[in-house]
Amino acid sequence: MNFGATRENISHGPARNAFGKMRVLACSMVAIALFAVFLAASPVPQSKAIIGGSVVSSAPSWVAFMAIESTRTDVQGKSKWCGGVLISNNLLLSARSCLEADERVKDVVIGSSDVNAGGDSRTSVKAWEPYDREDDLAVYQLSSPVTNTYIGLSDKGFRLNPQVVTLYGYGINEEIPKDPKKPLPAPDFKLRYVNGVPAGCPSGSQPTEAEFCLTSEKAGNSPCLGDAGGPIVASGKLTAIYFGGAQTDRSKKCLDAHWRAVSVATPRVRLWIDAMINKYHVHTGL
């Protein structure tokens, strides 16, 4: 093929060339306009994990995922999961309600942004001990110490010192179907976070001395399944443990804009946590 002749024929005639350019420009503008209309009409995707949070690319070393299964013979496999936080080299702090009498923690993953991706610390739970009062807290003793850096505890209470906090969790990343006959969406087990600030709890709820509510502009009508026990952090220190939505309507898994949490700075709670750390302390150098 004579590429020189072809090139000459294409470039011949400046008027025709200018008209061709104008036609291409007009077509491009129409295509852009149609694409903009398509974007405006299309629904904006929204994460349904951890109250509409953002995916974490690199997880903190102290964030934990706990896979929990039933011990009943008629139920096999993983039944649910919870979040947690490493507060010593062999102790997690999480929600007491994560573990029922007929359940056990099968697997623990610490410091992972994606539980299914590997390359993280995996262990199991040896024992657990619930808080000796009504607040939804428990410590979970690991089968063996880990080398992950654990988080320090904050000594600042929220009610006297309001501040922006961050909640971490591994919740479901899809909307729960309204039809109870439809199966639940499959979780992707990616760590997410959302920021919030202290707020008054909804009317009808009765928080204890150590409990409080948070709100977030990014909060949505989220399932919040799997987010219980997730750490709430401010200024690099653990400030509270999330345990659920503060709603009176139990048909919802989580209220649109409120979270319920237990502060670790309340004197009674802090003394108990310190006592648990001392009780389960492991001298790794011996």
C-alpha atoms as a PDB file:
ATOM      1  CA  MET A   1       0.000   0.000   0.000  1.00  0.00           C
ATOM      2  CA  ASN A   2       1.236   3.517  -0.904  1.00  0.00           C
ATOM      3  CA  PHE A   3       1.040   5.310   2.459  1.00  0.00           C
ATOM      4  CA  GLY A   4       2.420   8.481   0.881  1.00  0.00           C
ATOM      5  CA  ALA A   5      -0.474   8.698  -1.604  1.00  0.00           C
ATOM      6  CA  THR A   6      -3.013   7.997   1.084  1.00  0.00           C
ATOM      7  CA  ARG A   7      -1.546  10.680   3.327  1.00  0.00           C
ATOM      8  CA  GLU A   8      -1.641  13.168   0.428  1.00  0.00           C
ATOM      9  CA  ASN A   9      -5.297  12.438  -0.357  1.00  0.00           C
ATOM     10  CA  ILE A  10      -6.325  12.935   3.278  1.00  0.00           C
ATOM     11  CA  SER A  11      -4.568  16.284   3.598  1.00  0.00           C
ATOM     12  CA  HIS A  12      -5.817  17.646   0.270  1.00  0.00           C
ATOM     13  CA  GLY A  13      -8.264  20.555   0.485  1.00  0.00           C
ATOM     14  CA  PRO A  14      -7.957  22.896   3.515  1.00  0.00           C
ATOM     15  CA  ALA A  15     -11.684  23.809   3.478  1.00  0.00           C
ATOM     16  CA  ARG A  16     -12.784  20.170   3.596  1.00  0.00           C
ATOM     17  CA  ASN A  17     -10.221  19.466   6.344  1.00  0.00           C
ATOM     18  CA  ALA A  18     -11.560  22.344   8.504  1.00  0.00           C
ATOM     19  CA  PHE A  19     -15.133  21.144   8.031  1.00  0.00           C
ATOM     20  CA  GLY A  20     -14.076  17.638   9.109  1.00  0.00           C
ATOM     21  CA  LYS A  21     -12.474  18.975  12.278  1.00  0.00           C
ATOM     22  CA  MET A  22     -15.618  20.957  13.142  1.00  0.00           C
ATOM     23  CA  ARG A  23     -17.758  17.853  12.645  1.00  0.00           C
ATOM     24  CA  VAL A  24     -15.490  15.790  14.920  1.00  0.00           C
ATOM     25  CA  LEU A  25     -15.596  18.533  17.585  1.00  0.00           C
ATOM     26  CA  ALA A  26     -19.407  18.712  17.438  1.00  0.00           C
ATOM     27  CA  CYS A  27     -19.724  14.940  17.763  1.00  0.00           C
ATOM     28  CA  SER A  28     -17.373  14.969  20.750  1.00  0.00           C
ATOM     29  CA  MET A  29     -19.403  17.670  22.499  1.00  0.00           C
ATOM     30  CA  VAL A  30     -22.625  15.696  21.955  1.00  0.00           C
ATOM     31  CA  ALA A  31     -20.982  12.529  23.338  1.00  0.00           C
ATOM     32  CA  ILE A  32     -19.767  14.397  26.438  1.00  0.00           C
ATOM     33  CA  ALA A  33     -23.233  15.855  27.026  1.00  0.00           C
ATOM     34  CA  LEU A  34     -24.880  12.431  26.708  1.00  0.00           C
ATOM     35  CA  PHE A  35     -22.318  10.923  29.122  1.00  0.00           C
ATOM     36  CA  ALA A  36     -23.032  13.679  31.665  1.00  0.00           C
ATOM     37  CA  VAL A  37     -26.760  12.979  31.432  1.00  0.00           C
ATOM     38  CA  PHE A  38     -26.057   9.266  31.964  1.00  0.00           C
ATOM     39  CA  LEU A  39     -23.980   9.980  35.092  1.00  0.00           C
ATOM     40  CA  ALA A  40     -26.666  12.248  36.518  1.00  0.00           C
ATOM     41  CA  ALA A  41     -29.330   9.591  36.006  1.00  0.00           C
ATOM     42  CA  SER A  42     -27.201   6.745  37.392  1.00  0.00           C
ATOM     43  CA  PRO A  43     -27.308   6.027  41.151  1.00  0.00           C
ATOM     44  CA  VAL A  44     -24.116   6.912  43.009  1.00  0.00           C
ATOM     45  CA  PRO A  45     -22.631   3.737  44.550  1.00  0.00           C
ATOM     46  CA  GLN A  46     -22.410   3.893  48.355  1.00  0.00           C
ATOM     47  CA  SER A  47     -20.615   1.533  50.667  1.00  0.00           C
ATOM     48  CA  LYS A  48     -22.952  -0.146  53.150  1.00  0.00           C
ATOM     49  CA  ALA A  49     -20.204  -1.250  55.507  1.00  0.00           C
ATOM     50  CA  ILE A  50     -19.380   0.453  58.786  1.00  0.00           C
ATOM     51  CA  ILE A  51     -22.146   3.029  58.360  1.00  0.00           C
ATOM     52  CA  GLY A  52     -21.245   4.059  54.825  1.00  0.00           C
ATOM     53  CA  GLY A  53     -17.515   4.316  55.498  1.00  0.00           C
ATOM     54  CA  SER A  54     -14.416   4.484  53.326  1.00  0.00           C
ATOM     55  CA  VAL A  55     -12.133   1.541  52.567  1.00  0.00           C
ATOM     56  CA  VAL A  56      -8.814   1.508  54.446  1.00  0.00           C
ATOM     57  CA  SER A  57      -5.820   0.776  52.207  1.00  0.00           C
ATOM     58  CA  SER A  58      -3.441   0.036  55.093  1.00  0.00           C
ATOM     59  CA  ALA A  59      -4.901  -1.208  58.377  1.00  0.00           C
ATOM     60  CA  PRO A  60      -3.627  -0.166  61.797  1.00  0.00           C
ATOM     61  CA  SER A  61      -1.693  -2.970  63.498  1.00  0.00           C
ATOM     62  CA  TRP A  62      -4.201  -3.124  66.389  1.00  0.00           C
ATOM     63  CA  VAL A  63      -7.507  -3.561  64.526  1.00  0.00           C
ATOM     64  CA  ALA A  64      -8.920  -7.100  64.891  1.00  0.00           C
ATOM     65  CA  PHE A  65     -11.460  -9.272  63.078  1.00  0.00           C
ATOM     66  CA  MET A  66     -13.095 -12.167  64.951  1.00  0.00           C
ATOM     67  CA  ALA A  67     -14.847 -14.991  63.081  1.00  0.00           C
ATOM     68  CA  ILE A  68     -17.445 -16.558  65.399  1.00  0.00           C
ATOM     69  CA  GLU A  69     -19.212 -19.876  64.895  1.00  0.00           C
ATOM     70  CA  SER A  70     -21.882 -21.809  66.726  1.00  0.00           C
ATOM     71  CA  THR A  71     -20.936 -24.816  68.870  1.00  0.00           C
ATOM     72  CA  ARG A  72     -24.321 -26.457  68.273  1.00  0.00           C
ATOM     73  CA  THR A  73     -24.181 -29.684  66.301  1.00  0.00           C
ATOM     74  CA  ASP A  74     -27.048 -28.613  64.039  1.00  0.00           C
ATOM     75  CA  VAL A  75     -25.212 -25.478  62.896  1.00  0.00           C
ATOM     76  CA  GLN A  76     -21.851 -25.668  61.173  1.00  0.00           C
ATOM     77  CA  GLY A  77     -19.383 -23.078  59.903  1.00  0.00           C
ATOM     78  CA  LYS A  78     -19.017 -19.384  60.660  1.00  0.00           C
ATOM     79  CA  SER A  79     -22.207 -17.825  61.906  1.00  0.00           C
ATOM     80  CA  LYS A  80     -21.120 -14.190  62.330  1.00  0.00           C
ATOM     81  CA  TRP A  81     -18.149 -11.907  62.929  1.00  0.00           C
ATOM     82  CA  CYS A  82     -17.197  -8.944  65.101  1.00  0.00           C
ATOM     83  CA  GLY A  83     -14.544  -6.284  65.338  1.00  0.00           C
ATOM     84  CA  GLY A  84     -12.055  -5.857  68.139  1.00  0.00           C
ATOM     85  CA  VAL A  85      -8.902  -4.045  69.173  1.00  0.00           C
ATOM     86  CA  LEU A  86      -5.539  -5.236  70.499  1.00  0.00           C
ATOM     87  CA  ILE A  87      -4.844  -3.648  73.921  1.00  0.00           C
ATOM     88  CA  SER A  88      -1.868  -5.820  74.935  1.00  0.00           C
ATOM     89  CA  ASN A  89       0.255  -8.445  73.203  1.00  0.00           C
ATOM     90  CA  ASN A  90      -2.299 -11.173  73.950  1.00  0.00           C
ATOM     91  CA  LEU A  91      -5.583  -9.424  74.764  1.00  0.00           C
ATOM     92  CA  LEU A  92      -8.409  -8.029  72.627  1.00  0.00           C
ATOM     93  CA  LEU A  93     -11.141  -5.669  73.786  1.00  0.00           C
ATOM     94  CA  SER A  94     -14.513  -6.062  72.079  1.00  0.00           C
ATOM     95  CA  ALA A  95     -18.246  -6.168  72.738  1.00  0.00           C
ATOM     96  CA  ARG A  96     -19.596  -8.740  75.198  1.00  0.00           C
ATOM     97  CA  SER A  97     -22.647  -9.349  72.987  1.00  0.00           C
ATOM     98  CA  CYS A  98     -20.402 -10.706  70.213  1.00  0.00           C
ATOM     99  CA  LEU A  99     -20.180 -14.086  71.924  1.00  0.00           C
ATOM    100  CA  GLU A 100     -23.210 -16.055  73.065  1.00  0.00           C
ATOM    101  CA  ALA A 101     -23.243 -19.122  75.323  1.00  0.00           C
ATOM    102  CA  ASP A 102     -23.374 -21.554  72.382  1.00  0.00           C
ATOM    103  CA  GLU A 103     -20.668 -19.852  70.298  1.00  0.00           C
ATOM    104  CA  ARG A 104     -16.893 -19.721  70.087  1.00  0.00           C
ATOM    105  CA  VAL A 105     -14.322 -17.523  68.375  1.00  0.00           C
ATOM    106  CA  LYS A 106     -12.893 -19.702  65.633  1.00  0.00           C
ATOM    107  CA  ASP A 107     -10.413 -17.327  64.033  1.00  0.00           C
ATOM    108  CA  VAL A 108      -8.832 -13.938  64.770  1.00  0.00           C
ATOM    109  CA  VAL A 109      -7.133 -11.729  62.186  1.00  0.00           C
ATOM    110  CA  ILE A 110      -5.206  -8.688  63.420  1.00  0.00           C
ATOM    111  CA  GLY A 111      -3.926  -5.720  61.429  1.00  0.00           C
ATOM    112  CA  SER A 112      -5.564  -6.597  58.112  1.00  0.00           C
ATOM    113  CA  SER A 113      -7.224  -4.238  55.627  1.00  0.00           C
ATOM    114  CA  ASP A 114      -8.642  -7.261  53.766  1.00  0.00           C
ATOM    115  CA  VAL A 115      -9.188 -10.432  55.785  1.00  0.00           C
ATOM    116  CA  ASN A 116      -9.206 -12.619  52.670  1.00  0.00           C
ATOM    117  CA  ALA A 117      -5.960 -11.199  51.271  1.00  0.00           C
ATOM    118  CA  GLY A 118      -3.570 -12.874  53.747  1.00  0.00           C
ATOM    119  CA  GLY A 119      -0.270 -11.510  55.011  1.00  0.00           C
ATOM    120  CA  ASP A 120      -1.638 -10.611  58.434  1.00  0.00           C
ATOM    121  CA  SER A 121      -1.503 -11.999  61.991  1.00  0.00           C
ATOM    122  CA  ARG A 122      -3.868 -14.942  62.446  1.00  0.00           C
ATOM    123  CA  THR A 123      -4.528 -16.604  65.779  1.00  0.00           C
ATOM    124  CA  SER A 124      -7.393 -17.860  67.933  1.00  0.00           C
ATOM    125  CA  VAL A 125      -9.023 -17.051  71.271  1.00  0.00           C
ATOM    126  CA  LYS A 126      -8.089 -19.076  74.345  1.00  0.00           C
ATOM    127  CA  ALA A 127     -10.532 -17.568  76.831  1.00  0.00           C
ATOM    128  CA  TRP A 128     -12.796 -14.577  77.328  1.00  0.00           C
ATOM    129  CA  GLU A 129     -14.095 -12.582  80.262  1.00  0.00           C
ATOM    130  CA  PRO A 130     -17.086 -10.202  80.207  1.00  0.00           C
ATOM    131  CA  TYR A 131     -17.235  -6.873  82.009  1.00  0.00           C
ATOM    132  CA  ASP A 132     -18.591  -7.351  85.521  1.00  0.00           C
ATOM    133  CA  ARG A 133     -21.279  -4.694  85.086  1.00  0.00           C
ATOM    134  CA  GLU A 134     -23.966  -3.941  82.497  1.00  0.00           C
ATOM    135  CA  ASP A 135     -21.872  -2.230  79.839  1.00  0.00           C
ATOM    136  CA  ASP A 136     -21.307  -4.218  76.647  1.00  0.00           C
ATOM    137  CA  LEU A 137     -17.585  -5.013  77.018  1.00  0.00           C
ATOM    138  CA  ALA A 138     -15.438  -8.143  77.178  1.00  0.00           C
ATOM    139  CA  VAL A 139     -11.782  -9.104  76.880  1.00  0.00           C
ATOM    140  CA  TYR A 140     -10.705 -11.991  74.639  1.00  0.00           C
ATOM    141  CA  GLN A 141      -7.422 -13.729  75.488  1.00  0.00           C
ATOM    142  CA  LEU A 142      -5.412 -14.829  72.459  1.00  0.00           C
ATOM    143  CA  SER A 143      -4.022 -18.349  72.310  1.00  0.00           C
ATOM    144  CA  SER A 144      -0.521 -16.928  71.988  1.00  0.00           C
ATOM    145  CA  PRO A 145       1.027 -13.429  72.056  1.00  0.00           C
ATOM    146  CA  VAL A 146       1.368 -11.509  68.798  1.00  0.00           C
ATOM    147  CA  THR A 147       4.046  -9.085  67.653  1.00  0.00           C
ATOM    148  CA  ASN A 148       1.582  -6.433  66.448  1.00  0.00           C
ATOM    149  CA  THR A 149       1.845  -3.050  68.094  1.00  0.00           C
ATOM    150  CA  TYR A 150      -1.157  -2.602  70.388  1.00  0.00           C
ATOM    151  CA  ILE A 151      -3.005   0.653  71.039  1.00  0.00           C
ATOM    152  CA  GLY A 152      -2.929   2.776  74.188  1.00  0.00           C
ATOM    153  CA  LEU A 153      -6.059   3.789  76.083  1.00  0.00           C
ATOM    154  CA  SER A 154      -7.336   7.354  76.169  1.00  0.00           C
ATOM    155  CA  ASP A 155      -8.013   9.040  79.511  1.00  0.00           C
ATOM    156  CA  LYS A 156     -10.328  11.688  78.045  1.00  0.00           C
ATOM    157  CA  GLY A 157     -14.084  11.399  78.451  1.00  0.00           C
ATOM    158  CA  PHE A 158     -16.327  12.432  75.577  1.00  0.00           C
ATOM    159  CA  ARG A 159     -18.983  14.250  77.540  1.00  0.00           C
ATOM    160  CA  LEU A 160     -16.465  16.733  78.879  1.00  0.00           C
ATOM    161  CA  ASN A 161     -14.229  16.871  75.836  1.00  0.00           C
ATOM    162  CA  PRO A 162     -16.133  16.504  72.522  1.00  0.00           C
ATOM    163  CA  GLN A 163     -13.859  15.644  69.599  1.00  0.00           C
ATOM    164  CA  VAL A 164     -13.879  13.993  66.196  1.00  0.00           C
ATOM    165  CA  VAL A 165     -13.376  10.239  66.443  1.00  0.00           C
ATOM    166  CA  THR A 166     -12.890   7.396  63.961  1.00  0.00           C
ATOM    167  CA  LEU A 167     -14.758   4.088  64.007  1.00  0.00           C
ATOM    168  CA  TYR A 168     -13.277   0.990  62.307  1.00  0.00           C
ATOM    169  CA  GLY A 169     -15.077  -2.198  61.267  1.00  0.00           C
ATOM    170  CA  TYR A 170     -15.586  -5.017  58.750  1.00  0.00           C
ATOM    171  CA  GLY A 171     -19.340  -4.708  58.113  1.00  0.00           C
ATOM    172  CA  ILE A 172     -21.377  -5.950  55.170  1.00  0.00           C
ATOM    173  CA  ASN A 173     -20.748  -3.971  51.994  1.00  0.00           C
ATOM    174  CA  GLU A 174     -24.247  -4.216  50.535  1.00  0.00           C
ATOM    175  CA  GLU A 175     -27.803  -3.272  51.403  1.00  0.00           C
ATOM    176  CA  ILE A 176     -29.726  -5.899  53.362  1.00  0.00           C
ATOM    177  CA  PRO A 177     -32.757  -7.061  51.325  1.00  0.00           C
ATOM    178  CA  LYS A 178     -36.141  -6.034  52.698  1.00  0.00           C
ATOM    179  CA  ASP A 179     -37.606  -9.398  51.765  1.00  0.00           C
ATOM    180  CA  PRO A 180     -36.723 -11.800  54.624  1.00  0.00           C
ATOM    181  CA  LYS A 181     -36.841 -14.734  52.195  1.00  0.00           C
ATOM    182  CA  LYS A 182     -33.895 -13.359  50.220  1.00  0.00           C
ATOM    183  CA  PRO A 183     -30.381 -14.335  51.345  1.00  0.00           C
ATOM    184  CA  LEU A 184     -28.126 -11.840  53.067  1.00  0.00           C
ATOM    185  CA  PRO A 185     -25.465 -10.211  50.867  1.00  0.00           C
ATOM    186  CA  ALA A 186     -21.997 -11.734  50.921  1.00  0.00           C
ATOM    187  CA  PRO A 187     -19.489  -9.770  53.019  1.00  0.00           C
ATOM    188  CA  ASP A 188     -16.171  -8.736  51.500  1.00  0.00           C
ATOM    189  CA  PHE A 189     -14.368  -8.378  54.867  1.00  0.00           C
ATOM    190  CA  LYS A 190     -12.520  -5.194  53.921  1.00  0.00           C
ATOM    191  CA  LEU A 191     -11.726  -2.785  56.731  1.00  0.00           C
ATOM    192  CA  ARG A 192     -13.579   0.535  56.608  1.00  0.00           C
ATOM    193  CA  TYR A 193     -13.776   3.640  58.724  1.00  0.00           C
ATOM    194  CA  VAL A 194     -16.058   6.604  59.287  1.00  0.00           C
ATOM    195  CA  ASN A 195     -15.578   9.779  61.339  1.00  0.00           C
ATOM    196  CA  GLY A 196     -18.122  11.061  63.856  1.00  0.00           C
ATOM    197  CA  VAL A 197     -18.664  13.349  66.835  1.00  0.00           C
ATOM    198  CA  PRO A 198     -20.483  12.908  70.182  1.00  0.00           C
ATOM    199  CA  ALA A 199     -24.226  13.527  70.062  1.00  0.00           C
ATOM    200  CA  GLY A 200     -27.283  13.110  72.224  1.00  0.00           C
ATOM    201  CA  CYS A 201     -28.823   9.638  72.166  1.00  0.00           C
ATOM    202  CA  PRO A 202     -32.309   9.274  70.618  1.00  0.00           C
ATOM    203  CA  SER A 203     -35.288   9.597  72.916  1.00  0.00           C
ATOM    204  CA  GLY A 204     -36.267   6.308  74.481  1.00  0.00           C
ATOM    205  CA  SER A 205     -32.723   4.988  74.793  1.00  0.00           C
ATOM    206  CA  GLN A 206     -31.163   4.789  78.249  1.00  0.00           C
ATOM    207  CA  PRO A 207     -27.359   4.949  78.097  1.00  0.00           C
ATOM    208  CA  THR A 208     -25.417   3.974  81.197  1.00  0.00           C
ATOM    209  CA  GLU A 209     -22.752   6.095  82.833  1.00  0.00           C
ATOM    210  CA  ALA A 210     -20.070   4.787  80.455  1.00  0.00           C
ATOM    211  CA  GLU A 211     -22.189   4.754  77.283  1.00  0.00           C
ATOM    212  CA  PHE A 212     -22.702   7.559  74.800  1.00  0.00           C
ATOM    213  CA  CYS A 213     -23.889   8.139  71.230  1.00  0.00           C
ATOM    214  CA  LEU A 214     -22.075   9.432  68.164  1.00  0.00           C
ATOM    215  CA  THR A 215     -23.298  10.872  64.905  1.00  0.00           C
ATOM    216  CA  SER A 216     -21.748  11.227  61.459  1.00  0.00           C
ATOM    217  CA  GLU A 217     -22.549  13.130  58.285  1.00  0.00           C
ATOM    218  CA  LYS A 218     -21.637   9.991  56.324  1.00  0.00           C
ATOM    219  CA  ALA A 219     -23.973   7.770  58.323  1.00  0.00           C
ATOM    220  CA  GLY A 220     -26.555   5.911  56.307  1.00  0.00           C
ATOM    221  CA  ASN A 221     -29.220   3.292  56.896  1.00  0.00           C
ATOM    222  CA  SER A 222     -26.536   0.652  57.178  1.00  0.00           C
ATOM    223  CA  PRO A 223     -26.871  -2.977  58.265  1.00  0.00           C
ATOM    224  CA  CYS A 224     -23.898  -2.629  60.635  1.00  0.00           C
ATOM    225  CA  LEU A 225     -23.670  -6.418  60.779  1.00  0.00           C
ATOM    226  CA  GLY A 226     -20.175  -7.382  61.871  1.00  0.00           C
ATOM    227  CA  ASP A 227     -19.245  -3.936  63.130  1.00  0.00           C
ATOM    228  CA  ALA A 228     -20.000  -4.633  66.801  1.00  0.00           C
ATOM    229  CA  GLY A 229     -16.886  -4.525  68.940  1.00  0.00           C
ATOM    230  CA  GLY A 230     -15.129  -2.166  66.542  1.00  0.00           C
ATOM    231  CA  PRO A 231     -12.635   0.326  68.025  1.00  0.00           C
ATOM    232  CA  ILE A 232     -13.354   4.065  68.209  1.00  0.00           C
ATOM    233  CA  VAL A 233     -10.146   6.072  68.144  1.00  0.00           C
ATOM    234  CA  ALA A 234      -9.130   9.712  68.670  1.00  0.00           C
ATOM    235  CA  SER A 235      -5.618  11.209  68.558  1.00  0.00           C
ATOM    236  CA  GLY A 236      -4.077   7.774  68.145  1.00  0.00           C
ATOM    237  CA  LYS A 237      -5.616   6.284  71.291  1.00  0.00           C
ATOM    238  CA  LEU A 238      -8.547   3.966  71.938  1.00  0.00           C
ATOM    239  CA  THR A 239     -11.462   5.975  73.288  1.00  0.00           C
ATOM    240  CA  ALA A 240     -14.438   3.589  73.080  1.00  0.00           C
ATOM    241  CA  ILE A 241     -15.868   0.306  71.777  1.00  0.00           C
ATOM    242  CA  TYR A 242     -18.813   0.368  69.369  1.00  0.00           C
ATOM    243  CA  PHE A 243     -21.635  -2.066  70.080  1.00  0.00           C
ATOM    244  CA  GLY A 244     -24.668  -1.064  68.042  1.00  0.00           C
ATOM    245  CA  GLY A 245     -27.264   1.417  66.917  1.00  0.00           C
ATOM    246  CA  ALA A 246     -28.989   3.439  69.619  1.00  0.00           C
ATOM    247  CA  GLN A 247     -32.482   3.001  68.236  1.00  0.00           C
ATOM    248  CA  THR A 248     -35.705   1.920  69.892  1.00  0.00           C
ATOM    249  CA  ASP A 249     -36.986   0.269  66.695  1.00  0.00           C
ATOM    250  CA  ARG A 250     -35.311  -3.150  66.756  1.00  0.00           C
ATOM    251  CA  SER A 251     -36.364  -3.879  63.175  1.00  0.00           C
ATOM    252  CA  LYS A 252     -33.360  -1.845  62.050  1.00  0.00           C
ATOM    253  CA  LYS A 253     -29.836  -3.122  62.480  1.00  0.00           C
ATOM    254  CA  CYS A 254     -28.435   0.361  62.890  1.00  0.00           C
ATOM    255  CA  LEU A 255     -30.002   3.799  63.138  1.00  0.00           C
ATOM    256  CA  ASP A 256     -29.330   6.259  60.334  1.00  0.00           C
ATOM    257  CA  ALA A 257     -27.100   8.679  62.220  1.00  0.00           C
ATOM    258  CA  HIS A 258     -26.344   7.307  65.677  1.00  0.00           C
ATOM    259  CA  TRP A 259     -23.909   4.794  67.100  1.00  0.00           C
ATOM    260  CA  ARG A 260     -23.893   3.470  70.644  1.00  0.00           C
ATOM    261  CA  ALA A 261     -20.512   3.013  72.324  1.00  0.00           C
ATOM    262  CA  VAL A 262     -18.836   2.367  75.674  1.00  0.00           C
ATOM    263  CA  SER A 263     -16.142   4.805  76.762  1.00  0.00           C
ATOM    264  CA  VAL A 264     -12.879   3.342  78.033  1.00  0.00           C
ATOM    265  CA  ALA A 265     -12.111   6.561  79.927  1.00  0.00           C
ATOM    266  CA  THR A 266     -14.858   6.201  82.526  1.00  0.00           C
ATOM    267  CA  PRO A 267     -13.011   5.474  85.818  1.00  0.00           C
ATOM    268  CA  ARG A 268     -14.883   2.241  86.579  1.00  0.00           C
ATOM    269  CA  VAL A 269     -14.393   0.864  83.054  1.00  0.00           C
ATOM    270  CA  ARG A 270     -10.754   1.944  82.925  1.00  0.00           C
ATOM    271  CA  LEU A 271      -9.947   0.232  86.219  1.00  0.00           C
ATOM    272  CA  TRP A 272     -11.506  -3.002  84.948  1.00  0.00           C
ATOM    273  CA  ILE A 273      -9.574  -2.880  81.657  1.00  0.00           C
ATOM    274  CA  ASP A 274      -6.292  -2.219  83.484  1.00  0.00           C
ATOM    275  CA  ALA A 275      -7.037  -5.132  85.830  1.00  0.00           C
ATOM    276  CA  MET A 276      -7.698  -7.422  82.840  1.00  0.00           C
ATOM    277  CA  ILE A 277      -4.423  -6.399  81.162  1.00  0.00           C
ATOM    278  CA  ASN A 278      -2.531  -7.186  84.367  1.00  0.00           C
ATOM    279  CA  LYS A 279      -4.397 -10.464  84.846  1.00  0.00           C
ATOM    280  CA  TYR A 280      -3.666 -11.775  81.349  1.00  0.00           C
ATOM    281  CA  HIS A 281      -0.226 -10.194  80.992  1.00  0.00           C
ATOM    282  CA  VAL A 282       2.349 -12.383  79.264  1.00  0.00           C
ATOM    283  CA  HIS A 283       6.070 -11.951  79.885  1.00  0.00           C
ATOM    284  CA  THR A 284       7.341 -12.650  76.378  1.00  0.00           C
ATOM    285  CA  GLY A 285      10.973 -12.294  77.475  1.00  0.00           C
ATOM    286  CA  LEU A 286      10.829 -15.269  79.867  1.00  0.00           C
END
